[in-house]
Amino acid sequence: MALVDSFLHKCKALKHIKQLQAHLIVSSAFDNSLGRIKLLDFCAVSPIGDLGYAVEVFHRIETPHTNEWNAIIRGFAQSDDPKRAIECYVSMCQQACRPDALTCSFALKACARMLGLFEGREIHGQFIRFGFEADVLLQTTVIDLYAKCGHLDQAQQLFDEMPRRDVPTWNALITGLAQGSRPRDALSLFNQMRGSGVVPNEITVIGALSACSQLGGASEGNSVHGYISEARFDTNTRVCNALIDMYAKCGSIDLACDVFNQMVDRSLVSWNAIIMGLAMHGRGVKAVELFNQMSSSGVQPDAVTYLAALCACNHAGLVDDGLRIFKQMTRNGVIHNVKHYGCVVDLLGRAGRLLEAHMMIKSMPLVPDAVLWQTLLGACNTYGNIELAELASEKLREMGSASDGDYVIMSNVYAAYGRWEDVGRVREAMKINDVRKMPGCSFIEVEGILHSFLNGDQTHLKSKEIYSKLDEISIRIKSLGYAPRTWFVLHDIGEEEKENVLLYHSEKLAMAYGLICMNEGGLIQVYKNLRICGDCHIVFKLVSKIYEREIVVRDRSRFHRFKGGFCSCGDYW
């Protein structure tokens, strides 16, 4: 069978595989199961093979052996239709052909890809009955399955019960915890792995960096980066890409740029990550410069690159650059998708060019989704275009959108013009349709503990100190000429009440707590689930100047870095 191996290595296209099969049939060598298995496996999983043709060949085998089933199951497990792998596995069991450990592994990988928890549990039970429970690869695949399906406790329990673990086992759980709801546990496990003498590989550190991104913790990211440098993974392109993404998501865009600038080999992902990172931080001009440099570097932009560049233009108000880049896509053969159109609609809307934004939606060759109309509705709220806002709202109703934001923005549009009857009508519709407004919520981490605040929150143990600090802030910023922007409070209440509502927004509570508890001169980092309001934006600028503190706010769509009375967004968001 060495001859079959030799021929397979020389195959450059499917026709060569077919020629080899014909030769094996003519020479009766195809009757030899080993040669048949090698050809079938190569055809099913090789980039030059064809899974459909492999299935044809498989169906002509009168009594397939286990390894022949494995070849087809493996091929489907890696395909766009992993469910077919499970169907083959069931057929195999029904035909009294006993699966081996590899069969179970391929089937479980298919379950993980299709998030088939029920099927995965069935196969898990079977391989225990088959006596394969000591197989580390199988146990690792099950851990990966449970983690991807969100059953992290089960994954953790299996991991804890394993008498022997290899690096992929640690990686499966670290990655699962990082991408699930337990990023801090992922970092703890990463440190435990290092302490146990098991040497992490590039997959391990990428999982750890993903956990840091989820936490938004630059200090944890710095620690992982330190290990990466010690282990000399800092020349690995995939690891550097993860570092760029991590620093950008943790608010440290300058460090992300440092990693990018020091890279010797940059992939398309590297460029996409840094351009999107710069976009999130409002550095649109720099992002467009890098986008323009890509072609000369020999890396051609893809749809993701164009989306990142458009986002950068959007966040920085670079309308002409954005429209130029959008048109450039067609010339370069990159097809526009709904997200690209959404970026341009948002770009035009933020610039007050509402009619052009509307025309973009009407003329696009794709069916507009709810996000496009919500984007236009938001722009109408900013610029007070009631007529177009009502049109967008009607379109959203026709599409069956039940987002709380649709109602809230329309209510705000009416409230801004004192049309309280219309406000009441919108709010009544919210009650009838059982739509509830998402409350503003902000978070700040102090000494490893996450503190959350709602608007007007008085449940925190240090509420008295926080409110006292906010009163102090209010006095000090008013001495610099600050006047509360009460028009941001769209309720039919008195001016004094509006001032109190503004003063106790969740991000201000979190910021005040940071001023109280964090070391003088230290960075204050606040996360908010909604967009920061205009009044809070002004207050944060003044606080950064008066208290000489750098404050970073990550809201729903971007980062704001306040320093010395200025914001990185240039007051355009």
Protein backbone atom coordinates (compact mmCIF):
# COMPACT_ATOMS: atom_id res chain seq x y z
CA MET A 1 0.00 0.00 0.00
CA ALA A 2 3.07 2.23 -0.03
CA LEU A 3 2.36 2.66 -3.77
CA VAL A 4 -1.14 4.02 -3.02
CA ASP A 5 0.33 6.51 -0.55
CA SER A 6 2.87 7.60 -3.13
CA PHE A 7 0.22 8.16 -5.81
CA LEU A 8 -2.09 10.01 -3.42
CA HIS A 9 0.66 12.46 -2.51
CA LYS A 10 1.12 13.20 -6.20
CA CYS A 11 -2.58 13.90 -6.84
CA LYS A 12 -3.23 17.54 -7.71
CA ALA A 13 -6.93 17.36 -8.65
CA LEU A 14 -10.00 15.15 -8.33
CA LYS A 15 -9.40 13.67 -11.79
CA HIS A 16 -6.09 12.25 -10.54
CA ILE A 17 -7.91 10.54 -7.63
CA LYS A 18 -10.37 9.06 -10.11
CA GLN A 19 -7.53 7.83 -12.30
CA LEU A 20 -5.91 6.19 -9.27
CA GLN A 21 -9.21 4.53 -8.35
CA ALA A 22 -9.61 3.20 -11.89
CA HIS A 23 -6.08 1.78 -11.74
CA LEU A 24 -6.82 0.11 -8.39
CA ILE A 25 -10.04 -1.44 -9.77
CA VAL A 26 -8.35 -2.73 -12.95
CA SER A 27 -5.47 -4.20 -10.96
CA SER A 28 -7.89 -5.71 -8.40
CA ALA A 29 -6.07 -3.71 -5.71
CA PHE A 30 -9.33 -1.92 -4.90
CA ASP A 31 -10.53 -5.15 -3.30
CA ASN A 32 -7.81 -4.64 -0.70
CA SER A 33 -9.54 -2.75 2.09
CA LEU A 34 -6.41 -0.87 3.16
CA GLY A 35 -5.89 0.76 -0.26
CA ARG A 36 -9.60 1.49 -0.54
CA ILE A 37 -9.63 3.12 2.90
CA LYS A 38 -6.66 5.35 2.07
CA LEU A 39 -8.25 6.54 -1.18
CA LEU A 40 -11.66 7.06 0.43
CA ASP A 41 -10.22 9.02 3.36
CA PHE A 42 -8.12 11.22 1.05
CA CYS A 43 -11.08 11.93 -1.22
CA ALA A 44 -13.39 12.78 1.71
CA VAL A 45 -11.15 15.22 3.58
CA SER A 46 -8.47 16.49 1.20
CA PRO A 47 -8.90 20.02 -0.23
CA ILE A 48 -8.56 18.56 -3.75
CA GLY A 49 -11.00 15.75 -3.01
CA ASP A 50 -14.78 15.69 -3.31
CA LEU A 51 -16.97 14.47 -0.45
CA GLY A 52 -19.87 13.75 -2.82
CA TYR A 53 -17.66 11.51 -4.95
CA ALA A 54 -16.30 9.82 -1.82
CA VAL A 55 -19.89 9.02 -0.78
CA GLU A 56 -20.54 7.54 -4.25
CA VAL A 57 -17.52 5.28 -3.91
CA PHE A 58 -18.56 4.36 -0.35
CA HIS A 59 -22.06 3.28 -1.45
CA ARG A 60 -20.51 0.85 -3.94
CA ILE A 61 -18.72 -1.01 -1.14
CA GLU A 62 -20.79 -4.07 -0.27
CA THR A 63 -19.77 -4.36 3.40
CA PRO A 64 -17.95 -1.22 4.57
CA HIS A 65 -15.38 -1.66 7.32
CA THR A 66 -15.17 0.62 10.36
CA ASN A 67 -12.39 2.73 8.86
CA GLU A 68 -14.39 3.27 5.68
CA TRP A 69 -17.32 4.53 7.75
CA ASN A 70 -14.83 6.70 9.62
CA ALA A 71 -13.64 8.33 6.40
CA ILE A 72 -17.19 9.39 5.44
CA ILE A 73 -18.19 10.44 8.98
CA ARG A 74 -15.00 12.49 9.27
CA GLY A 75 -15.65 14.13 5.90
CA PHE A 76 -19.20 15.16 6.87
CA ALA A 77 -18.04 16.30 10.33
CA GLN A 78 -15.73 18.82 8.61
CA SER A 79 -18.27 19.82 5.95
CA ASP A 80 -20.96 22.50 5.89
CA ASP A 81 -23.51 19.84 6.83
CA PRO A 82 -22.16 18.15 10.00
CA LYS A 83 -25.61 16.69 10.72
CA ARG A 84 -24.96 14.15 7.95
CA ALA A 85 -22.06 12.79 10.03
CA ILE A 86 -24.50 11.92 12.83
CA GLU A 87 -26.86 10.27 10.34
CA CYS A 88 -23.96 8.15 9.06
CA TYR A 89 -22.98 7.26 12.62
CA VAL A 90 -26.54 6.05 13.35
CA SER A 91 -26.60 4.04 10.09
CA MET A 92 -23.28 2.46 10.99
CA CYS A 93 -24.57 1.35 14.40
CA GLN A 94 -27.76 -0.04 12.82
CA GLN A 95 -25.72 -2.15 10.40
CA ALA A 96 -23.93 -3.85 13.30
CA CYS A 97 -20.59 -2.31 12.43
CA ARG A 98 -18.98 -1.45 15.75
CA PRO A 99 -17.67 2.12 16.01
CA ASP A 100 -14.15 2.60 17.34
CA ALA A 101 -12.73 5.54 19.30
CA LEU A 102 -12.05 7.49 16.09
CA THR A 103 -15.66 7.05 14.92
CA CYS A 104 -16.92 8.47 18.21
CA SER A 105 -14.43 11.33 18.03
CA PHE A 106 -15.49 12.37 14.51
CA ALA A 107 -19.19 12.11 15.43
CA LEU A 108 -18.68 14.17 18.59
CA LYS A 109 -16.85 16.86 16.62
CA ALA A 110 -19.86 17.01 14.31
CA CYS A 111 -22.12 17.42 17.36
CA ALA A 112 -19.93 20.27 18.63
CA ARG A 113 -20.10 22.05 15.26
CA MET A 114 -23.91 21.77 15.05
CA LEU A 115 -24.34 22.36 18.83
CA GLY A 116 -26.10 18.99 19.00
CA LEU A 117 -26.12 18.46 22.76
CA PHE A 118 -28.72 15.67 22.74
CA GLU A 119 -26.88 13.65 20.07
CA GLY A 120 -23.57 14.31 21.80
CA ARG A 121 -24.85 12.98 25.10
CA GLU A 122 -26.08 9.81 23.37
CA ILE A 123 -22.66 9.20 21.80
CA HIS A 124 -20.96 10.03 25.12
CA GLY A 125 -23.02 7.31 26.79
CA GLN A 126 -22.22 4.86 23.99
CA PHE A 127 -18.48 5.29 24.07
CA ILE A 128 -18.52 4.71 27.84
CA ARG A 129 -20.38 1.42 27.18
CA PHE A 130 -17.79 0.60 24.49
CA GLY A 131 -15.05 0.99 27.11
CA PHE A 132 -13.43 4.09 25.58
CA GLU A 133 -13.74 6.33 28.65
CA ALA A 134 -9.97 6.30 29.23
CA ASP A 135 -9.37 7.81 25.78
CA VAL A 136 -8.07 11.36 26.40
CA LEU A 137 -8.96 12.53 22.87
CA LEU A 138 -12.56 11.43 23.27
CA GLN A 139 -12.92 13.00 26.71
CA THR A 140 -11.44 16.23 25.36
CA THR A 141 -13.90 16.24 22.46
CA VAL A 142 -16.82 15.79 24.89
CA ILE A 143 -15.54 18.67 27.05
CA ASP A 144 -15.38 20.83 23.91
CA LEU A 145 -18.94 19.81 23.00
CA TYR A 146 -20.41 20.60 26.43
CA ALA A 147 -18.53 23.92 26.59
CA LYS A 148 -19.72 25.04 23.15
CA CYS A 149 -23.30 24.11 24.06
CA GLY A 150 -23.07 26.29 27.19
CA HIS A 151 -22.97 23.42 29.69
CA LEU A 152 -19.81 24.67 31.38
CA ASP A 153 -20.41 22.92 34.71
CA GLN A 154 -20.59 19.54 32.95
CA ALA A 155 -17.45 20.33 30.98
CA GLN A 156 -15.67 21.35 34.20
CA GLN A 157 -16.82 18.17 35.99
CA LEU A 158 -15.52 15.92 33.19
CA PHE A 159 -12.22 17.80 33.22
CA ASP A 160 -11.87 17.44 37.01
CA GLU A 161 -12.59 13.69 36.85
CA MET A 162 -10.01 12.95 34.14
CA PRO A 163 -7.01 11.07 35.58
CA ARG A 164 -4.81 12.25 32.71
CA ARG A 165 -5.04 15.44 30.66
CA ASP A 166 -3.04 16.69 27.71
CA VAL A 167 -2.64 20.24 26.36
CA PRO A 168 -5.71 20.03 24.06
CA THR A 169 -7.81 19.03 27.12
CA TRP A 170 -6.78 22.18 28.99
CA ASN A 171 -7.33 24.21 25.82
CA ALA A 172 -10.87 22.88 25.33
CA LEU A 173 -11.99 24.00 28.79
CA ILE A 174 -10.06 27.30 28.83
CA THR A 175 -11.52 28.27 25.44
CA GLY A 176 -15.00 27.13 26.48
CA LEU A 177 -14.93 29.11 29.72
CA ALA A 178 -13.49 32.16 27.92
CA GLN A 179 -16.17 32.19 25.25
CA GLY A 180 -18.92 31.30 27.69
CA SER A 181 -19.97 33.20 30.76
CA ARG A 182 -16.90 32.45 32.90
CA PRO A 183 -13.86 34.31 31.51
CA ARG A 184 -12.37 34.82 34.98
CA ASP A 185 -12.46 31.04 35.55
CA ALA A 186 -10.71 30.63 32.19
CA LEU A 187 -7.82 32.83 33.37
CA SER A 188 -7.69 30.97 36.69
CA LEU A 189 -7.46 27.67 34.80
CA PHE A 190 -4.73 29.11 32.56
CA ASN A 191 -2.68 29.95 35.67
CA GLN A 192 -3.45 26.52 37.16
CA MET A 193 -2.20 24.88 33.96
CA ARG A 194 1.08 26.77 34.13
CA GLY A 195 1.46 25.84 37.81
CA SER A 196 0.86 22.16 37.07
CA GLY A 197 3.85 21.96 34.75
CA VAL A 198 1.84 21.58 31.54
CA VAL A 199 3.28 23.91 28.90
CA PRO A 200 0.61 26.04 27.15
CA ASN A 201 0.69 26.32 23.37
CA GLU A 202 -0.57 29.04 21.03
CA ILE A 203 -4.20 27.83 21.31
CA THR A 204 -3.99 28.13 25.10
CA VAL A 205 -2.79 31.74 25.11
CA ILE A 206 -5.35 32.71 22.44
CA GLY A 207 -8.06 31.32 24.75
CA ALA A 208 -6.61 33.26 27.70
CA LEU A 209 -6.52 36.46 25.62
CA SER A 210 -10.14 35.86 24.62
CA ALA A 211 -11.00 35.71 28.35
CA CYS A 212 -9.22 39.04 28.91
CA SER A 213 -11.22 40.55 26.03
CA GLN A 214 -14.46 39.37 27.64
CA LEU A 215 -13.45 40.88 30.98
CA GLY A 216 -12.18 44.09 29.45
CA GLY A 217 -9.23 43.76 31.79
CA ALA A 218 -6.03 45.25 30.39
CA SER A 219 -4.09 44.29 33.55
CA GLU A 220 -4.93 40.59 33.06
CA GLY A 221 -4.10 40.99 29.37
CA ASN A 222 -0.71 42.49 30.23
CA SER A 223 0.02 39.48 32.43
CA VAL A 224 -0.84 37.02 29.64
CA HIS A 225 1.21 39.14 27.22
CA GLY A 226 4.16 38.81 29.60
CA TYR A 227 3.92 35.02 29.43
CA ILE A 228 3.62 35.18 25.63
CA SER A 229 6.88 37.12 25.44
CA GLU A 230 8.62 34.66 27.82
CA ALA A 231 7.40 31.68 25.79
CA ARG A 232 8.35 33.44 22.54
CA PHE A 233 4.87 33.23 21.08
CA ASP A 234 5.09 36.93 20.18
CA THR A 235 6.29 36.04 16.68
CA ASN A 236 3.21 33.89 16.08
CA THR A 237 0.80 35.76 13.79
CA ARG A 238 -2.37 34.24 15.28
CA VAL A 239 -1.27 35.11 18.81
CA CYS A 240 -0.41 38.67 17.79
CA ASN A 241 -3.83 39.00 16.14
CA ALA A 242 -5.46 37.93 19.42
CA LEU A 243 -3.28 40.45 21.31
CA ILE A 244 -4.40 43.27 19.01
CA ASP A 245 -8.05 42.31 19.48
CA MET A 246 -7.63 42.00 23.25
CA TYR A 247 -5.93 45.37 23.75
CA ALA A 248 -8.45 47.11 21.50
CA LYS A 249 -11.40 45.63 23.41
CA CYS A 250 -9.79 46.48 26.76
CA GLY A 251 -9.43 50.15 25.85
CA SER A 252 -5.67 50.09 25.23
CA ILE A 253 -5.57 50.94 21.54
CA ASP A 254 -2.00 52.31 21.73
CA LEU A 255 -0.76 48.91 22.94
CA ALA A 256 -2.75 47.23 20.13
CA CYS A 257 -0.96 49.52 17.65
CA ASP A 258 2.41 48.64 19.22
CA VAL A 259 1.76 44.92 18.69
CA PHE A 260 0.68 45.52 15.08
CA ASN A 261 3.71 47.72 14.31
CA GLN A 262 6.12 45.13 15.71
CA MET A 263 4.68 42.23 13.68
CA VAL A 264 6.95 40.80 11.00
CA ASP A 265 4.27 38.72 9.24
CA ARG A 266 0.82 40.30 9.09
CA SER A 267 -2.19 38.39 7.83
CA LEU A 268 -5.48 39.79 6.57
CA VAL A 269 -6.85 39.19 10.08
CA SER A 270 -4.08 41.41 11.51
CA TRP A 271 -5.11 44.35 9.34
CA ASN A 272 -8.81 43.79 10.02
CA ALA A 273 -8.25 43.64 13.78
CA ILE A 274 -6.24 46.88 13.99
CA ILE A 275 -8.54 48.83 11.63
CA MET A 276 -11.63 47.75 13.60
CA GLY A 277 -9.84 48.52 16.87
CA LEU A 278 -8.99 52.04 15.69
CA ALA A 279 -12.61 52.45 14.56
CA MET A 280 -13.92 51.52 18.03
CA HIS A 281 -11.64 54.16 19.55
CA GLY A 282 -12.64 56.95 17.18
CA ARG A 283 -9.30 57.09 15.36
CA GLY A 284 -10.87 57.17 11.94
CA VAL A 285 -8.11 59.06 10.14
CA LYS A 286 -5.45 56.55 11.25
CA ALA A 287 -7.74 53.64 10.36
CA VAL A 288 -8.27 54.98 6.83
CA GLU A 289 -4.51 55.52 6.45
CA LEU A 290 -3.87 51.88 7.33
CA PHE A 291 -6.66 50.76 5.02
CA ASN A 292 -5.00 52.64 2.17
CA GLN A 293 -1.63 51.03 3.04
CA MET A 294 -3.00 47.48 2.76
CA SER A 295 -2.83 47.17 -1.01
CA SER A 296 0.79 48.32 -1.16
CA SER A 297 1.63 45.70 1.48
CA GLY A 298 0.30 42.95 -0.78
CA VAL A 299 -2.78 42.16 1.35
CA GLN A 300 -6.10 42.67 -0.42
CA PRO A 301 -9.07 43.87 1.67
CA ASP A 302 -12.05 41.56 2.07
CA ALA A 303 -15.65 42.29 3.10
CA VAL A 304 -14.63 42.41 6.78
CA THR A 305 -11.87 44.95 6.05
CA TYR A 306 -14.29 47.21 4.21
CA LEU A 307 -16.76 46.96 7.07
CA ALA A 308 -14.03 47.94 9.56
CA ALA A 309 -12.99 50.89 7.38
CA LEU A 310 -16.59 52.06 7.01
CA CYS A 311 -17.08 51.80 10.79
CA ALA A 312 -13.96 53.93 11.25
CA CYS A 313 -15.35 56.61 8.91
CA ASN A 314 -18.71 56.36 10.66
CA HIS A 315 -17.32 56.95 14.16
CA ALA A 316 -15.11 59.83 13.03
CA GLY A 317 -17.58 61.59 10.72
CA LEU A 318 -15.44 61.00 7.61
CA VAL A 319 -18.38 61.04 5.19
CA ASP A 320 -16.45 61.57 1.94
CA ASP A 321 -13.91 58.86 2.81
CA GLY A 322 -16.71 56.48 3.74
CA LEU A 323 -18.59 57.00 0.47
CA ARG A 324 -15.34 56.61 -1.50
CA ILE A 325 -14.53 53.32 0.26
CA PHE A 326 -18.11 52.06 -0.27
CA LYS A 327 -17.82 52.71 -4.05
CA GLN A 328 -14.34 51.18 -4.12
CA MET A 329 -15.80 47.84 -3.03
CA THR A 330 -17.62 47.41 -6.35
CA ARG A 331 -14.50 48.22 -8.38
CA ASN A 332 -12.53 45.61 -6.40
CA GLY A 333 -15.18 42.92 -6.81
CA VAL A 334 -16.26 42.82 -3.15
CA ILE A 335 -20.03 42.47 -2.81
CA HIS A 336 -21.90 44.83 -0.49
CA ASN A 337 -23.86 43.15 2.28
CA VAL A 338 -26.50 44.57 4.64
CA LYS A 339 -23.86 45.55 7.22
CA HIS A 340 -21.99 47.67 4.67
CA TYR A 341 -25.21 49.47 3.74
CA GLY A 342 -26.00 49.87 7.44
CA CYS A 343 -22.64 51.59 8.03
CA VAL A 344 -23.22 54.06 5.20
CA VAL A 345 -26.78 54.80 6.34
CA ASP A 346 -25.43 55.45 9.85
CA LEU A 347 -22.58 57.56 8.42
CA LEU A 348 -25.01 59.76 6.49
CA GLY A 349 -27.50 59.85 9.36
CA ARG A 350 -24.93 60.97 11.93
CA ALA A 351 -23.89 63.75 9.54
CA GLY A 352 -27.49 64.97 9.29
CA ARG A 353 -27.89 63.85 5.68
CA LEU A 354 -31.15 62.07 6.45
CA LEU A 355 -32.71 62.20 2.99
CA GLU A 356 -29.59 60.63 1.45
CA ALA A 357 -29.64 57.95 4.15
CA HIS A 358 -33.29 57.23 3.34
CA MET A 359 -32.54 57.07 -0.41
CA MET A 360 -29.71 54.61 0.30
CA ILE A 361 -32.19 52.28 2.04
CA LYS A 362 -34.78 52.64 -0.73
CA SER A 363 -32.34 52.06 -3.59
CA MET A 364 -30.26 49.19 -2.18
CA PRO A 365 -30.59 45.86 -4.07
CA LEU A 366 -30.93 43.90 -0.82
CA VAL A 367 -33.98 43.70 1.43
CA PRO A 368 -33.44 46.22 4.27
CA ASP A 369 -33.41 44.65 7.72
CA ALA A 370 -34.76 46.14 10.94
CA VAL A 371 -31.32 47.47 11.94
CA LEU A 372 -31.23 49.78 8.90
CA TRP A 373 -34.58 51.35 9.76
CA GLN A 374 -33.58 51.58 13.44
CA THR A 375 -30.39 53.37 12.38
CA LEU A 376 -32.41 55.88 10.36
CA LEU A 377 -34.86 56.29 13.25
CA GLY A 378 -31.99 57.07 15.62
CA ALA A 379 -30.64 59.73 13.23
CA CYS A 380 -34.11 61.26 12.97
CA ASN A 381 -34.15 61.50 16.77
CA THR A 382 -30.79 63.31 16.76
CA TYR A 383 -31.85 65.82 14.13
CA GLY A 384 -35.55 66.11 15.04
CA ASN A 385 -37.08 64.91 11.76
CA ILE A 386 -40.50 63.74 12.97
CA GLU A 387 -41.93 62.91 9.53
CA LEU A 388 -39.08 60.59 8.53
CA ALA A 389 -38.99 59.12 12.05
CA GLU A 390 -42.66 58.17 11.74
CA LEU A 391 -41.98 56.55 8.35
CA ALA A 392 -39.09 54.51 9.81
CA SER A 393 -41.22 53.56 12.81
CA GLU A 394 -44.02 52.38 10.53
CA LYS A 395 -41.57 50.24 8.52
CA LEU A 396 -40.36 48.63 11.74
CA ARG A 397 -43.94 47.84 12.77
CA GLU A 398 -44.57 46.25 9.37
CA MET A 399 -41.50 44.07 9.85
CA GLY A 400 -42.78 42.93 13.25
CA SER A 401 -39.88 44.48 15.17
CA ALA A 402 -40.58 44.53 18.91
CA SER A 403 -37.35 46.15 20.09
CA ASP A 404 -37.74 48.44 23.09
CA GLY A 405 -35.43 50.88 21.31
CA ASP A 406 -37.95 51.44 18.48
CA TYR A 407 -40.57 52.66 20.94
CA VAL A 408 -38.17 54.60 23.14
CA ILE A 409 -36.63 56.55 20.25
CA MET A 410 -40.03 57.40 18.77
CA SER A 411 -41.19 58.51 22.21
CA ASN A 412 -38.06 60.66 22.53
CA VAL A 413 -38.69 62.26 19.12
CA TYR A 414 -42.17 63.32 20.22
CA ALA A 415 -40.99 64.36 23.69
CA ALA A 416 -38.32 66.65 22.26
CA TYR A 417 -41.11 68.68 20.64
CA GLY A 418 -43.43 68.53 23.65
CA ARG A 419 -45.94 66.25 21.93
CA TRP A 420 -46.86 64.53 25.17
CA GLU A 421 -50.07 62.99 23.84
CA ASP A 422 -48.05 61.14 21.19
CA VAL A 423 -45.54 60.15 23.89
CA GLY A 424 -48.41 58.69 25.91
CA ARG A 425 -49.69 56.82 22.85
CA VAL A 426 -46.27 55.22 22.23
CA ARG A 427 -45.91 54.24 25.88
CA GLU A 428 -49.41 52.76 25.89
CA ALA A 429 -48.43 50.67 22.84
CA MET A 430 -45.40 49.43 24.80
CA LYS A 431 -47.69 48.28 27.61
CA ILE A 432 -50.11 46.58 25.24
CA ASN A 433 -47.28 44.74 23.46
CA ASP A 434 -45.49 44.01 26.76
CA VAL A 435 -42.33 45.79 25.60
CA ARG A 436 -40.07 46.89 28.44
CA LYS A 437 -37.36 49.48 28.20
CA MET A 438 -33.88 48.17 28.91
CA PRO A 439 -32.58 50.05 31.96
CA GLY A 440 -29.30 51.94 31.73
CA CYS A 441 -26.64 49.95 33.59
CA SER A 442 -22.94 50.66 34.13
CA PHE A 443 -20.09 48.59 35.56
CA ILE A 444 -16.73 49.32 37.12
CA GLU A 445 -14.17 46.84 38.40
CA VAL A 446 -12.29 47.72 41.58
CA GLU A 447 -9.70 45.30 43.04
CA GLY A 448 -11.09 42.39 41.01
CA ILE A 449 -14.71 42.96 42.10
CA LEU A 450 -17.31 44.09 39.55
CA HIS A 451 -19.70 46.79 40.79
CA SER A 452 -22.89 47.50 38.82
CA PHE A 453 -25.14 50.58 38.96
CA LEU A 454 -28.56 51.42 37.57
CA ASN A 455 -29.81 54.95 37.00
CA GLY A 456 -30.61 56.48 40.40
CA ASP A 457 -29.25 53.37 42.14
CA GLN A 458 -29.10 53.56 45.96
CA THR A 459 -28.47 49.89 46.70
CA HIS A 460 -24.67 50.03 46.78
CA LEU A 461 -23.02 49.74 50.19
CA LYS A 462 -21.26 53.07 49.60
CA SER A 463 -24.26 54.92 48.16
CA LYS A 464 -23.96 57.80 50.65
CA GLU A 465 -20.32 58.41 49.74
CA ILE A 466 -21.13 58.10 46.01
CA TYR A 467 -23.98 60.61 46.16
CA SER A 468 -21.86 62.95 48.27
CA LYS A 469 -19.10 62.71 45.67
CA LEU A 470 -21.56 63.50 42.88
CA ASP A 471 -22.75 66.59 44.79
CA GLU A 472 -19.11 67.68 45.10
CA ILE A 473 -18.57 67.07 41.38
CA SER A 474 -21.71 69.05 40.52
CA ILE A 475 -20.46 72.09 42.48
CA ARG A 476 -16.98 71.94 40.99
CA ILE A 477 -18.04 71.56 37.34
CA LYS A 478 -20.62 74.34 37.67
CA SER A 479 -17.77 76.63 38.72
CA LEU A 480 -16.36 76.01 35.22
CA GLY A 481 -19.61 77.07 33.60
CA TYR A 482 -21.34 73.70 33.33
CA ALA A 483 -25.14 73.80 33.05
CA PRO A 484 -27.11 70.52 33.05
CA ARG A 485 -28.38 69.59 29.58
CA THR A 486 -31.90 68.95 30.80
CA TRP A 487 -33.23 68.54 27.26
CA PHE A 488 -31.67 65.05 27.36
CA VAL A 489 -34.35 64.15 29.97
CA LEU A 490 -37.40 63.49 27.83
CA HIS A 491 -40.03 63.36 30.57
CA ASP A 492 -42.79 65.81 31.36
CA ILE A 493 -41.29 66.85 34.71
CA GLY A 494 -39.85 70.00 36.28
CA GLU A 495 -36.34 71.34 35.63
CA GLU A 496 -35.07 70.49 39.11
CA GLU A 497 -36.25 66.90 38.78
CA LYS A 498 -34.58 66.70 35.37
CA GLU A 499 -31.29 67.86 36.89
CA ASN A 500 -31.49 65.12 39.52
CA VAL A 501 -32.26 62.48 36.87
CA LEU A 502 -29.18 63.56 34.91
CA LEU A 503 -26.91 63.72 37.96
CA TYR A 504 -27.63 60.12 38.95
CA HIS A 505 -27.14 58.38 35.60
CA SER A 506 -25.53 54.96 36.04
CA GLU A 507 -22.22 55.91 34.40
CA LYS A 508 -21.85 58.91 36.72
CA LEU A 509 -22.46 56.68 39.75
CA ALA A 510 -19.80 54.24 38.54
CA MET A 511 -17.35 57.07 37.82
CA ALA A 512 -17.92 58.61 41.27
CA TYR A 513 -17.28 55.23 42.90
CA GLY A 514 -14.03 54.97 40.95
CA LEU A 515 -12.94 58.40 42.18
CA ILE A 516 -13.65 57.34 45.77
CA CYS A 517 -12.01 53.91 45.73
CA MET A 518 -9.23 53.90 43.17
CA ASN A 519 -5.71 55.19 43.67
CA GLU A 520 -5.16 58.82 42.87
CA GLY A 521 -4.07 59.20 39.27
CA GLY A 522 -5.18 55.67 38.30
CA LEU A 523 -7.23 54.95 35.19
CA ILE A 524 -10.99 54.75 35.75
CA GLN A 525 -12.71 52.39 33.33
CA VAL A 526 -16.51 52.27 33.07
CA TYR A 527 -18.63 49.96 30.92
CA LYS A 528 -22.20 50.89 29.92
CA ASN A 529 -24.83 48.75 28.20
CA LEU A 530 -26.35 51.72 26.33
CA ARG A 531 -25.00 54.74 24.48
CA ILE A 532 -23.53 57.44 26.74
CA CYS A 533 -25.78 60.50 26.85
CA GLY A 534 -24.67 64.01 25.85
CA ASP A 535 -24.80 65.40 29.39
CA CYS A 536 -22.69 62.56 30.81
CA HIS A 537 -20.20 63.07 28.01
CA ILE A 538 -19.73 66.74 28.98
CA VAL A 539 -19.49 65.90 32.69
CA PHE A 540 -16.85 63.21 32.09
CA LYS A 541 -14.72 65.67 30.11
CA LEU A 542 -14.87 68.21 32.93
CA VAL A 543 -14.17 65.61 35.63
CA SER A 544 -11.10 64.37 33.72
CA LYS A 545 -9.78 67.94 33.78
CA ILE A 546 -10.67 68.94 37.35
CA TYR A 547 -9.58 65.68 39.02
CA GLU A 548 -6.68 65.07 36.59
CA ARG A 549 -7.89 61.54 35.93
CA GLU A 550 -7.99 59.55 32.72
CA ILE A 551 -11.43 57.97 32.30
CA VAL A 552 -12.37 55.37 29.69
CA VAL A 553 -16.04 54.65 28.98
CA ARG A 554 -16.99 51.69 26.80
CA ASP A 555 -20.58 52.18 25.72
CA ARG A 556 -22.72 50.04 23.43
CA SER A 557 -20.77 50.85 20.29
CA ARG A 558 -17.37 52.40 21.07
CA PHE A 559 -14.75 53.66 23.50
CA HIS A 560 -14.54 57.20 24.85
CA ARG A 561 -11.20 58.16 26.41
CA PHE A 562 -11.49 61.33 28.51
CA LYS A 563 -8.29 63.14 29.41
CA GLY A 564 -7.53 66.76 30.28
CA GLY A 565 -11.03 67.93 29.39
CA PHE A 566 -11.14 66.27 25.97
CA CYS A 567 -12.57 63.03 24.57
CA SER A 568 -10.95 60.78 21.99
CA CYS A 569 -14.16 60.83 19.93
CA GLY A 570 -13.76 64.54 19.25
CA ASP A 571 -17.36 64.98 20.44
CA TYR A 572 -18.60 62.99 17.44
CA TRP A 573 -20.39 59.82 18.37
